[in-house]
C-alpha cells in the first residue's frame, strides 16, 4: 500500500513539482524501532 502511494507522489516530481514544506501532524507520530526513526500517519505537505 505504501509503495502504491509512493508511486502516486512520485508523479508530482515527474510533472515538475518540488516539496517546499512538510510537517507531521501532532497526535499521529509514532516510532519505528528497526529504523530508529519517528514517523507519522499524517503529514501536511506542500
ModelCIF file with pLDDT and N, C-alpha, C, O atoms, coordinates in Angstrom:
data_MODEL
#
_entry.id   MODEL 
#
_entity.id                         1 
_entity.type                       polymer 
_entity.pdbx_number_of_molecules   1 
#
_entity_poly.entity_id                      1 
_entity_poly.type                           'polypeptide(L)' 
_entity_poly.nstd_linkage                   no 
_entity_poly.nstd_monomer                   no 
_entity_poly.pdbx_seq_one_letter_code       
;(UNK)(UNK)(UNK)(UNK)(UNK)(UNK)(UNK)(UNK)(UNK)(UNK)(UNK)(UNK)(UNK)(UNK)(UNK)(UNK)
(UNK)(UNK)(UNK)(UNK)(UNK)(UNK)(UNK)(UNK)(UNK)(UNK)(UNK)(UNK)(UNK)(UNK)(UNK)(UNK)
(UNK)(UNK)(UNK)(UNK)(UNK)(UNK)(UNK)(UNK)(UNK)(UNK)(UNK)(UNK)(UNK)(UNK)
;
_entity_poly.pdbx_seq_one_letter_code_can   XXXXXXXXXXXXXXXXXXXXXXXXXXXXXXXXXXXXXXXXXXXXXX 
_entity_poly.pdbx_strand_id                 A 
#
loop_
_entity_poly_seq.entity_id 
_entity_poly_seq.num 
_entity_poly_seq.mon_id 
_entity_poly_seq.hetero 
1 1  UNK n 
1 2  UNK n 
1 3  UNK n 
1 4  UNK n 
1 5  UNK n 
1 6  UNK n 
1 7  UNK n 
1 8  UNK n 
1 9  UNK n 
1 10 UNK n 
1 11 UNK n 
1 12 UNK n 
1 13 UNK n 
1 14 UNK n 
1 15 UNK n 
1 16 UNK n 
1 17 UNK n 
1 18 UNK n 
1 19 UNK n 
1 20 UNK n 
1 21 UNK n 
1 22 UNK n 
1 23 UNK n 
1 24 UNK n 
1 25 UNK n 
1 26 UNK n 
1 27 UNK n 
1 28 UNK n 
1 29 UNK n 
1 30 UNK n 
1 31 UNK n 
1 32 UNK n 
1 33 UNK n 
1 34 UNK n 
1 35 UNK n 
1 36 UNK n 
1 37 UNK n 
1 38 UNK n 
1 39 UNK n 
1 40 UNK n 
1 41 UNK n 
1 42 UNK n 
1 43 UNK n 
1 44 UNK n 
1 45 UNK n 
1 46 UNK n 
#
_struct_asym.id          A 
_struct_asym.entity_id   1 
#
loop_
_ma_qa_metric.id 
_ma_qa_metric.mode 
_ma_qa_metric.name 
_ma_qa_metric.software_group_id 
_ma_qa_metric.type 
1 global pLDDT . pLDDT 
2 local  pLDDT . pLDDT 
#
_ma_qa_metric_global.metric_id      1 
_ma_qa_metric_global.metric_value   94.96 
_ma_qa_metric_global.model_id       1 
_ma_qa_metric_global.ordinal_id     1 
#
loop_
_ma_qa_metric_local.label_asym_id 
_ma_qa_metric_local.label_comp_id 
_ma_qa_metric_local.label_seq_id 
_ma_qa_metric_local.metric_id 
_ma_qa_metric_local.metric_value 
_ma_qa_metric_local.model_id 
_ma_qa_metric_local.ordinal_id 
A UNK 1  2 96.00 1 1  
A UNK 2  2 96.00 1 2  
A UNK 3  2 95.00 1 3  
A UNK 4  2 96.00 1 4  
A UNK 5  2 97.00 1 5  
A UNK 6  2 96.00 1 6  
A UNK 7  2 96.00 1 7  
A UNK 8  2 96.00 1 8  
A UNK 9  2 97.00 1 9  
A UNK 10 2 96.00 1 10 
A UNK 11 2 96.00 1 11 
A UNK 12 2 97.00 1 12 
A UNK 13 2 94.00 1 13 
A UNK 14 2 94.00 1 14 
A UNK 15 2 95.00 1 15 
A UNK 16 2 95.00 1 16 
A UNK 17 2 97.00 1 17 
A UNK 18 2 97.00 1 18 
A UNK 19 2 97.00 1 19 
A UNK 20 2 97.00 1 20 
A UNK 21 2 98.00 1 21 
A UNK 22 2 98.00 1 22 
A UNK 23 2 97.00 1 23 
A UNK 24 2 96.00 1 24 
A UNK 25 2 94.00 1 25 
A UNK 26 2 92.00 1 26 
A UNK 27 2 91.00 1 27 
A UNK 28 2 94.00 1 28 
A UNK 29 2 96.00 1 29 
A UNK 30 2 96.00 1 30 
A UNK 31 2 95.00 1 31 
A UNK 32 2 92.00 1 32 
A UNK 33 2 89.00 1 33 
A UNK 34 2 85.00 1 34 
A UNK 35 2 83.00 1 35 
A UNK 36 2 88.00 1 36 
A UNK 37 2 93.00 1 37 
A UNK 38 2 96.00 1 38 
A UNK 39 2 96.00 1 39 
A UNK 40 2 97.00 1 40 
A UNK 41 2 96.00 1 41 
A UNK 42 2 96.00 1 42 
A UNK 43 2 97.00 1 43 
A UNK 44 2 97.00 1 44 
A UNK 45 2 98.00 1 45 
A UNK 46 2 98.00 1 46 
#
loop_
_atom_site.group_PDB 
_atom_site.id 
_atom_site.type_symbol 
_atom_site.label_atom_id 
_atom_site.label_alt_id 
_atom_site.label_comp_id 
_atom_site.label_asym_id 
_atom_site.label_entity_id 
_atom_site.label_seq_id 
_atom_site.pdbx_PDB_ins_code 
_atom_site.Cartn_x 
_atom_site.Cartn_y 
_atom_site.Cartn_z 
_atom_site.occupancy 
_atom_site.B_iso_or_equiv 
_atom_site.pdbx_formal_charge 
_atom_site.auth_seq_id 
_atom_site.auth_comp_id 
_atom_site.auth_asym_id 
_atom_site.auth_atom_id 
_atom_site.pdbx_PDB_model_num 
ATOM 1   N N  . UNK A 1 1  ? 0.834  -1.201 0.000   1.00 96.00 ? 1  UNK A N  1 
ATOM 2   C CA . UNK A 1 1  ? 0.000  0.000  0.000   1.00 96.00 ? 1  UNK A CA 1 
ATOM 3   C C  . UNK A 1 1  ? 0.868  1.250  0.000   1.00 96.00 ? 1  UNK A C  1 
ATOM 4   O O  . UNK A 1 1  ? 0.605  2.197  -0.742  1.00 96.00 ? 1  UNK A O  1 
ATOM 5   N N  . UNK A 1 2  ? 1.895  1.251  0.827   1.00 96.00 ? 2  UNK A N  1 
ATOM 6   C CA . UNK A 1 2  ? 2.793  2.409  0.894   1.00 96.00 ? 2  UNK A CA 1 
ATOM 7   C C  . UNK A 1 2  ? 3.543  2.592  -0.421  1.00 96.00 ? 2  UNK A C  1 
ATOM 8   O O  . UNK A 1 2  ? 3.797  3.721  -0.841  1.00 96.00 ? 2  UNK A O  1 
ATOM 9   N N  . UNK A 1 3  ? 3.896  1.491  -1.065  1.00 95.00 ? 3  UNK A N  1 
ATOM 10  C CA . UNK A 1 3  ? 4.576  1.579  -2.357  1.00 95.00 ? 3  UNK A CA 1 
ATOM 11  C C  . UNK A 1 3  ? 3.674  2.219  -3.406  1.00 95.00 ? 3  UNK A C  1 
ATOM 12  O O  . UNK A 1 3  ? 4.137  3.035  -4.203  1.00 95.00 ? 3  UNK A O  1 
ATOM 13  N N  . UNK A 1 4  ? 2.396  1.859  -3.415  1.00 96.00 ? 4  UNK A N  1 
ATOM 14  C CA . UNK A 1 4  ? 1.448  2.450  -4.370  1.00 96.00 ? 4  UNK A CA 1 
ATOM 15  C C  . UNK A 1 4  ? 1.294  3.948  -4.137  1.00 96.00 ? 4  UNK A C  1 
ATOM 16  O O  . UNK A 1 4  ? 1.240  4.725  -5.091  1.00 96.00 ? 4  UNK A O  1 
ATOM 17  N N  . UNK A 1 5  ? 1.224  4.356  -2.870  1.00 97.00 ? 5  UNK A N  1 
ATOM 18  C CA . UNK A 1 5  ? 1.105  5.777  -2.552  1.00 97.00 ? 5  UNK A CA 1 
ATOM 19  C C  . UNK A 1 5  ? 2.386  6.529  -2.924  1.00 97.00 ? 5  UNK A C  1 
ATOM 20  O O  . UNK A 1 5  ? 2.332  7.662  -3.402  1.00 97.00 ? 5  UNK A O  1 
ATOM 21  N N  . UNK A 1 6  ? 3.517  5.900  -2.704  1.00 96.00 ? 6  UNK A N  1 
ATOM 22  C CA . UNK A 1 6  ? 4.809  6.482  -3.094  1.00 96.00 ? 6  UNK A CA 1 
ATOM 23  C C  . UNK A 1 6  ? 4.844  6.750  -4.598  1.00 96.00 ? 6  UNK A C  1 
ATOM 24  O O  . UNK A 1 6  ? 5.319  7.801  -5.031  1.00 96.00 ? 6  UNK A O  1 
ATOM 25  N N  . UNK A 1 7  ? 4.348  5.813  -5.387  1.00 96.00 ? 7  UNK A N  1 
ATOM 26  C CA . UNK A 1 7  ? 4.332  5.990  -6.840  1.00 96.00 ? 7  UNK A CA 1 
ATOM 27  C C  . UNK A 1 7  ? 3.430  7.156  -7.240  1.00 96.00 ? 7  UNK A C  1 
ATOM 28  O O  . UNK A 1 7  ? 3.761  7.908  -8.157  1.00 96.00 ? 7  UNK A O  1 
ATOM 29  N N  . UNK A 1 8  ? 2.300  7.310  -6.563  1.00 96.00 ? 8  UNK A N  1 
ATOM 30  C CA . UNK A 1 8  ? 1.425  8.447  -6.849  1.00 96.00 ? 8  UNK A CA 1 
ATOM 31  C C  . UNK A 1 8  ? 2.140  9.761  -6.551  1.00 96.00 ? 8  UNK A C  1 
ATOM 32  O O  . UNK A 1 8  ? 2.043  10.714 -7.325  1.00 96.00 ? 8  UNK A O  1 
ATOM 33  N N  . UNK A 1 9  ? 2.850  9.812  -5.443  1.00 97.00 ? 9  UNK A N  1 
ATOM 34  C CA . UNK A 1 9  ? 3.550  11.042 -5.073  1.00 97.00 ? 9  UNK A CA 1 
ATOM 35  C C  . UNK A 1 9  ? 4.717  11.332 -6.012  1.00 97.00 ? 9  UNK A C  1 
ATOM 36  O O  . UNK A 1 9  ? 5.025  12.494 -6.277  1.00 97.00 ? 9  UNK A O  1 
ATOM 37  N N  . UNK A 1 10 ? 5.365  10.288 -6.514  1.00 96.00 ? 10 UNK A N  1 
ATOM 38  C CA . UNK A 1 10 ? 6.470  10.491 -7.457  1.00 96.00 ? 10 UNK A CA 1 
ATOM 39  C C  . UNK A 1 10 ? 6.013  11.225 -8.712  1.00 96.00 ? 10 UNK A C  1 
ATOM 40  O O  . UNK A 1 10 ? 6.796  11.935 -9.343  1.00 96.00 ? 10 UNK A O  1 
ATOM 41  N N  . UNK A 1 11 ? 4.744  11.051 -9.068  1.00 96.00 ? 11 UNK A N  1 
ATOM 42  C CA . UNK A 1 11 ? 4.218  11.751 -10.234 1.00 96.00 ? 11 UNK A CA 1 
ATOM 43  C C  . UNK A 1 11 ? 4.346  13.258 -10.113 1.00 96.00 ? 11 UNK A C  1 
ATOM 44  O O  . UNK A 1 11 ? 4.499  13.946 -11.123 1.00 96.00 ? 11 UNK A O  1 
ATOM 45  N N  . UNK A 1 12 ? 4.287  13.783 -8.899  1.00 97.00 ? 12 UNK A N  1 
ATOM 46  C CA . UNK A 1 12 ? 4.441  15.222 -8.701  1.00 97.00 ? 12 UNK A CA 1 
ATOM 47  C C  . UNK A 1 12 ? 5.807  15.682 -9.189  1.00 97.00 ? 12 UNK A C  1 
ATOM 48  O O  . UNK A 1 12 ? 5.920  16.704 -9.866  1.00 97.00 ? 12 UNK A O  1 
ATOM 49  N N  . UNK A 1 13 ? 6.833  14.931 -8.848  1.00 94.00 ? 13 UNK A N  1 
ATOM 50  C CA . UNK A 1 13 ? 8.173  15.307 -9.294  1.00 94.00 ? 13 UNK A CA 1 
ATOM 51  C C  . UNK A 1 13 ? 8.294  15.187 -10.814 1.00 94.00 ? 13 UNK A C  1 
ATOM 52  O O  . UNK A 1 13 ? 8.951  16.007 -11.456 1.00 94.00 ? 13 UNK A O  1 
ATOM 53  N N  . UNK A 1 14 ? 7.664  14.172 -11.379 1.00 94.00 ? 14 UNK A N  1 
ATOM 54  C CA . UNK A 1 14 ? 7.692  13.989 -12.833 1.00 94.00 ? 14 UNK A CA 1 
ATOM 55  C C  . UNK A 1 14 ? 7.100  15.202 -13.547 1.00 94.00 ? 14 UNK A C  1 
ATOM 56  O O  . UNK A 1 14 ? 7.585  15.593 -14.609 1.00 94.00 ? 14 UNK A O  1 
ATOM 57  N N  . UNK A 1 15 ? 6.051  15.802 -12.967 1.00 95.00 ? 15 UNK A N  1 
ATOM 58  C CA . UNK A 1 15 ? 5.399  16.951 -13.589 1.00 95.00 ? 15 UNK A CA 1 
ATOM 59  C C  . UNK A 1 15 ? 5.953  18.293 -13.103 1.00 95.00 ? 15 UNK A C  1 
ATOM 60  O O  . UNK A 1 15 ? 5.346  19.340 -13.326 1.00 95.00 ? 15 UNK A O  1 
ATOM 61  N N  . UNK A 1 16 ? 7.090  18.253 -12.449 1.00 95.00 ? 16 UNK A N  1 
ATOM 62  C CA . UNK A 1 16 ? 7.787  19.490 -12.136 1.00 95.00 ? 16 UNK A CA 1 
ATOM 63  C C  . UNK A 1 16 ? 7.522  20.087 -10.776 1.00 95.00 ? 16 UNK A C  1 
ATOM 64  O O  . UNK A 1 16 ? 7.904  21.232 -10.532 1.00 95.00 ? 16 UNK A O  1 
ATOM 65  N N  . UNK A 1 17 ? 6.882  19.359 -9.879  1.00 97.00 ? 17 UNK A N  1 
ATOM 66  C CA . UNK A 1 17 ? 6.609  19.875 -8.537  1.00 97.00 ? 17 UNK A CA 1 
ATOM 67  C C  . UNK A 1 17 ? 7.744  19.505 -7.587  1.00 97.00 ? 17 UNK A C  1 
ATOM 68  O O  . UNK A 1 17 ? 8.357  18.444 -7.706  1.00 97.00 ? 17 UNK A O  1 
ATOM 69  N N  . UNK A 1 18 ? 8.009  20.408 -6.639  1.00 97.00 ? 18 UNK A N  1 
ATOM 70  C CA . UNK A 1 18 ? 9.032  20.177 -5.636  1.00 97.00 ? 18 UNK A CA 1 
ATOM 71  C C  . UNK A 1 18 ? 8.441  20.447 -4.250  1.00 97.00 ? 18 UNK A C  1 
ATOM 72  O O  . UNK A 1 18 ? 7.567  21.297 -4.082  1.00 97.00 ? 18 UNK A O  1 
ATOM 73  N N  . UNK A 1 19 ? 8.935  19.714 -3.282  1.00 97.00 ? 19 UNK A N  1 
ATOM 74  C CA . UNK A 1 19 ? 8.432  19.832 -1.914  1.00 97.00 ? 19 UNK A CA 1 
ATOM 75  C C  . UNK A 1 19 ? 9.010  21.078 -1.253  1.00 97.00 ? 19 UNK A C  1 
ATOM 76  O O  . UNK A 1 19 ? 10.227 21.225 -1.146  1.00 97.00 ? 19 UNK A O  1 
ATOM 77  N N  . UNK A 1 20 ? 8.128  21.976 -0.811  1.00 97.00 ? 20 UNK A N  1 
ATOM 78  C CA . UNK A 1 20 ? 8.557  23.216 -0.176  1.00 97.00 ? 20 UNK A CA 1 
ATOM 79  C C  . UNK A 1 20 ? 8.288  23.214 1.329   1.00 97.00 ? 20 UNK A C  1 
ATOM 80  O O  . UNK A 1 20 ? 8.882  23.994 2.074   1.00 97.00 ? 20 UNK A O  1 
ATOM 81  N N  . UNK A 1 21 ? 7.391  22.334 1.766   1.00 98.00 ? 21 UNK A N  1 
ATOM 82  C CA . UNK A 1 21 ? 7.015  22.324 3.187   1.00 98.00 ? 21 UNK A CA 1 
ATOM 83  C C  . UNK A 1 21 ? 6.514  20.940 3.568   1.00 98.00 ? 21 UNK A C  1 
ATOM 84  O O  . UNK A 1 21 ? 5.797  20.294 2.804   1.00 98.00 ? 21 UNK A O  1 
ATOM 85  N N  . UNK A 1 22 ? 6.902  20.493 4.764   1.00 98.00 ? 22 UNK A N  1 
ATOM 86  C CA . UNK A 1 22 ? 6.403  19.228 5.290   1.00 98.00 ? 22 UNK A CA 1 
ATOM 87  C C  . UNK A 1 22 ? 6.440  19.268 6.809   1.00 98.00 ? 22 UNK A C  1 
ATOM 88  O O  . UNK A 1 22 ? 7.397  19.755 7.409   1.00 98.00 ? 22 UNK A O  1 
ATOM 89  N N  . UNK A 1 23 ? 5.389  18.752 7.415   1.00 97.00 ? 23 UNK A N  1 
ATOM 90  C CA . UNK A 1 23 ? 5.387  18.627 8.873   1.00 97.00 ? 23 UNK A CA 1 
ATOM 91  C C  . UNK A 1 23 ? 4.455  17.482 9.277   1.00 97.00 ? 23 UNK A C  1 
ATOM 92  O O  . UNK A 1 23 ? 3.381  17.315 8.698   1.00 97.00 ? 23 UNK A O  1 
ATOM 93  N N  . UNK A 1 24 ? 4.872  16.696 10.273  1.00 96.00 ? 24 UNK A N  1 
ATOM 94  C CA . UNK A 1 24 ? 3.980  15.659 10.796  1.00 96.00 ? 24 UNK A CA 1 
ATOM 95  C C  . UNK A 1 24 ? 2.894  16.315 11.636  1.00 96.00 ? 24 UNK A C  1 
ATOM 96  O O  . UNK A 1 24 ? 3.134  17.336 12.281  1.00 96.00 ? 24 UNK A O  1 
ATOM 97  N N  . UNK A 1 25 ? 1.708  15.735 11.630  1.00 94.00 ? 25 UNK A N  1 
ATOM 98  C CA . UNK A 1 25 ? 0.597  16.285 12.385  1.00 94.00 ? 25 UNK A CA 1 
ATOM 99  C C  . UNK A 1 25 ? 0.633  15.724 13.804  1.00 94.00 ? 25 UNK A C  1 
ATOM 100 O O  . UNK A 1 25 ? 0.677  14.507 13.983  1.00 94.00 ? 25 UNK A O  1 
ATOM 101 N N  . UNK A 1 26 ? 0.614  16.591 14.812  1.00 92.00 ? 26 UNK A N  1 
ATOM 102 C CA . UNK A 1 26 ? 0.621  16.114 16.201  1.00 92.00 ? 26 UNK A CA 1 
ATOM 103 C C  . UNK A 1 26 ? -0.505 15.108 16.458  1.00 92.00 ? 26 UNK A C  1 
ATOM 104 O O  . UNK A 1 26 ? -1.624 15.253 15.967  1.00 92.00 ? 26 UNK A O  1 
ATOM 105 N N  . UNK A 1 27 ? -0.173 14.109 17.227  1.00 91.00 ? 27 UNK A N  1 
ATOM 106 C CA . UNK A 1 27 ? -1.146 13.065 17.521  1.00 91.00 ? 27 UNK A CA 1 
ATOM 107 C C  . UNK A 1 27 ? -1.060 11.878 16.583  1.00 91.00 ? 27 UNK A C  1 
ATOM 108 O O  . UNK A 1 27 ? -1.683 10.844 16.826  1.00 91.00 ? 27 UNK A O  1 
ATOM 109 N N  . UNK A 1 28 ? -0.281 12.021 15.498  1.00 94.00 ? 28 UNK A N  1 
ATOM 110 C CA . UNK A 1 28 ? -0.164 10.912 14.532  1.00 94.00 ? 28 UNK A CA 1 
ATOM 111 C C  . UNK A 1 28 ? 1.256  10.349 14.472  1.00 94.00 ? 28 UNK A C  1 
ATOM 112 O O  . UNK A 1 28 ? 1.548  9.491  13.639  1.00 94.00 ? 28 UNK A O  1 
ATOM 113 N N  . UNK A 1 29 ? 2.130  10.825 15.344  1.00 96.00 ? 29 UNK A N  1 
ATOM 114 C CA . UNK A 1 29 ? 3.547  10.455 15.304  1.00 96.00 ? 29 UNK A CA 1 
ATOM 115 C C  . UNK A 1 29 ? 3.791  9.167  16.109  1.00 96.00 ? 29 UNK A C  1 
ATOM 116 O O  . UNK A 1 29 ? 3.242  8.985  17.196  1.00 96.00 ? 29 UNK A O  1 
ATOM 117 N N  . UNK A 1 30 ? 4.618  8.292  15.557  1.00 96.00 ? 30 UNK A N  1 
ATOM 118 C CA . UNK A 1 30 ? 4.990  7.066  16.256  1.00 96.00 ? 30 UNK A CA 1 
ATOM 119 C C  . UNK A 1 30 ? 6.426  6.703  15.888  1.00 96.00 ? 30 UNK A C  1 
ATOM 120 O O  . UNK A 1 30 ? 7.024  7.333  15.016  1.00 96.00 ? 30 UNK A O  1 
ATOM 121 N N  . UNK A 1 31 ? 6.973  5.700  16.546  1.00 95.00 ? 31 UNK A N  1 
ATOM 122 C CA . UNK A 1 31 ? 8.383  5.330  16.377  1.00 95.00 ? 31 UNK A CA 1 
ATOM 123 C C  . UNK A 1 31 ? 8.499  3.982  15.676  1.00 95.00 ? 31 UNK A C  1 
ATOM 124 O O  . UNK A 1 31 ? 7.817  3.025  16.041  1.00 95.00 ? 31 UNK A O  1 
ATOM 125 N N  . UNK A 1 32 ? 9.373  3.913  14.658  1.00 92.00 ? 32 UNK A N  1 
ATOM 126 C CA . UNK A 1 32 ? 9.701  2.647  14.000  1.00 92.00 ? 32 UNK A CA 1 
ATOM 127 C C  . UNK A 1 32 ? 11.023 2.154  14.590  1.00 92.00 ? 32 UNK A C  1 
ATOM 128 O O  . UNK A 1 32 ? 12.077 2.741  14.344  1.00 92.00 ? 32 UNK A O  1 
ATOM 129 N N  . UNK A 1 33 ? 10.960 1.092  15.354  1.00 89.00 ? 33 UNK A N  1 
ATOM 130 C CA . UNK A 1 33 ? 12.130 0.661  16.112  1.00 89.00 ? 33 UNK A CA 1 
ATOM 131 C C  . UNK A 1 33 ? 13.269 0.185  15.212  1.00 89.00 ? 33 UNK A C  1 
ATOM 132 O O  . UNK A 1 33 ? 14.428 0.513  15.466  1.00 89.00 ? 33 UNK A O  1 
ATOM 133 N N  . UNK A 1 34 ? 12.960 -0.583 14.163  1.00 85.00 ? 34 UNK A N  1 
ATOM 134 C CA . UNK A 1 34 ? 14.051 -1.105 13.334  1.00 85.00 ? 34 UNK A CA 1 
ATOM 135 C C  . UNK A 1 34 ? 14.734 -0.020 12.514  1.00 85.00 ? 34 UNK A C  1 
ATOM 136 O O  . UNK A 1 34 ? 15.866 -0.209 12.068  1.00 85.00 ? 34 UNK A O  1 
ATOM 137 N N  . UNK A 1 35 ? 14.063 1.120  12.305  1.00 83.00 ? 35 UNK A N  1 
ATOM 138 C CA . UNK A 1 35 ? 14.681 2.251  11.602  1.00 83.00 ? 35 UNK A CA 1 
ATOM 139 C C  . UNK A 1 35 ? 15.209 3.309  12.558  1.00 83.00 ? 35 UNK A C  1 
ATOM 140 O O  . UNK A 1 35 ? 15.921 4.231  12.159  1.00 83.00 ? 35 UNK A O  1 
ATOM 141 N N  . UNK A 1 36 ? 14.844 3.156  13.837  1.00 88.00 ? 36 UNK A N  1 
ATOM 142 C CA . UNK A 1 36 ? 15.218 4.149  14.845  1.00 88.00 ? 36 UNK A CA 1 
ATOM 143 C C  . UNK A 1 36 ? 14.828 5.551  14.377  1.00 88.00 ? 36 UNK A C  1 
ATOM 144 O O  . UNK A 1 36 ? 15.641 6.475  14.333  1.00 88.00 ? 36 UNK A O  1 
ATOM 145 N N  . UNK A 1 37 ? 13.550 5.662  14.031  1.00 93.00 ? 37 UNK A N  1 
ATOM 146 C CA . UNK A 1 37 ? 13.080 6.915  13.440  1.00 93.00 ? 37 UNK A CA 1 
ATOM 147 C C  . UNK A 1 37 ? 11.623 7.147  13.817  1.00 93.00 ? 37 UNK A C  1 
ATOM 148 O O  . UNK A 1 37 ? 10.822 6.213  13.856  1.00 93.00 ? 37 UNK A O  1 
ATOM 149 N N  . UNK A 1 38 ? 11.293 8.401  14.093  1.00 96.00 ? 38 UNK A N  1 
ATOM 150 C CA . UNK A 1 38 ? 9.908  8.782  14.306  1.00 96.00 ? 38 UNK A CA 1 
ATOM 151 C C  . UNK A 1 38 ? 9.281  9.173  12.972  1.00 96.00 ? 38 UNK A C  1 
ATOM 152 O O  . UNK A 1 38 ? 9.865  9.939  12.205  1.00 96.00 ? 38 UNK A O  1 
ATOM 153 N N  . UNK A 1 39 ? 8.104  8.649  12.702  1.00 96.00 ? 39 UNK A N  1 
ATOM 154 C CA . UNK A 1 39 ? 7.351  8.983  11.500  1.00 96.00 ? 39 UNK A CA 1 
ATOM 155 C C  . UNK A 1 39 ? 5.913  9.275  11.927  1.00 96.00 ? 39 UNK A C  1 
ATOM 156 O O  . UNK A 1 39 ? 5.618  9.310  13.121  1.00 96.00 ? 39 UNK A O  1 
ATOM 157 N N  . UNK A 1 40 ? 5.025  9.481  10.968  1.00 97.00 ? 40 UNK A N  1 
ATOM 158 C CA . UNK A 1 40 ? 3.643  9.817  11.304  1.00 97.00 ? 40 UNK A CA 1 
ATOM 159 C C  . UNK A 1 40 ? 2.693  9.198  10.291  1.00 97.00 ? 40 UNK A C  1 
ATOM 160 O O  . UNK A 1 40 ? 3.096  8.815  9.193   1.00 97.00 ? 40 UNK A O  1 
ATOM 161 N N  . UNK A 1 41 ? 1.438  9.107  10.672  1.00 96.00 ? 41 UNK A N  1 
ATOM 162 C CA . UNK A 1 41 ? 0.406  8.642  9.741   1.00 96.00 ? 41 UNK A CA 1 
ATOM 163 C C  . UNK A 1 41 ? -0.238 9.806  9.008   1.00 96.00 ? 41 UNK A C  1 
ATOM 164 O O  . UNK A 1 41 ? -0.992 9.599  8.057   1.00 96.00 ? 41 UNK A O  1 
ATOM 165 N N  . UNK A 1 42 ? 0.055  11.043 9.445   1.00 96.00 ? 42 UNK A N  1 
ATOM 166 C CA . UNK A 1 42 ? -0.492 12.226 8.765   1.00 96.00 ? 42 UNK A CA 1 
ATOM 167 C C  . UNK A 1 42 ? 0.597  13.290 8.634   1.00 96.00 ? 42 UNK A C  1 
ATOM 168 O O  . UNK A 1 42 ? 1.282  13.629 9.599   1.00 96.00 ? 42 UNK A O  1 
ATOM 169 N N  . UNK A 1 43 ? 0.734  13.803 7.419   1.00 97.00 ? 43 UNK A N  1 
ATOM 170 C CA . UNK A 1 43 ? 1.681  14.889 7.150   1.00 97.00 ? 43 UNK A CA 1 
ATOM 171 C C  . UNK A 1 43 ? 0.980  15.973 6.336   1.00 97.00 ? 43 UNK A C  1 
ATOM 172 O O  . UNK A 1 43 ? 0.189  15.686 5.438   1.00 97.00 ? 43 UNK A O  1 
ATOM 173 N N  . UNK A 1 44 ? 1.287  17.213 6.669   1.00 97.00 ? 44 UNK A N  1 
ATOM 174 C CA . UNK A 1 44 ? 0.931  18.299 5.762   1.00 97.00 ? 44 UNK A CA 1 
ATOM 175 C C  . UNK A 1 44 ? 2.121  18.513 4.841   1.00 97.00 ? 44 UNK A C  1 
ATOM 176 O O  . UNK A 1 44 ? 3.222  18.812 5.305   1.00 97.00 ? 44 UNK A O  1 
ATOM 177 N N  . UNK A 1 45 ? 1.907  18.362 3.540   1.00 98.00 ? 45 UNK A N  1 
ATOM 178 C CA . UNK A 1 45 ? 2.969  18.591 2.558   1.00 98.00 ? 45 UNK A CA 1 
ATOM 179 C C  . UNK A 1 45 ? 2.480  19.617 1.537   1.00 98.00 ? 45 UNK A C  1 
ATOM 180 O O  . UNK A 1 45 ? 1.313  19.619 1.146   1.00 98.00 ? 45 UNK A O  1 
ATOM 181 N N  . UNK A 1 46 ? 3.386  20.475 1.122   1.00 98.00 ? 46 UNK A N  1 
ATOM 182 C CA . UNK A 1 46 ? 3.050  21.483 0.115   1.00 98.00 ? 46 UNK A CA 1 
ATOM 183 C C  . UNK A 1 46 ? 4.092  21.411 -0.996  1.00 98.00 ? 46 UNK A C  1 
ATOM 184 O O  . UNK A 1 46 ? 4.017  22.171 -1.963  1.00 98.00 ? 46 UNK A O  1 
#
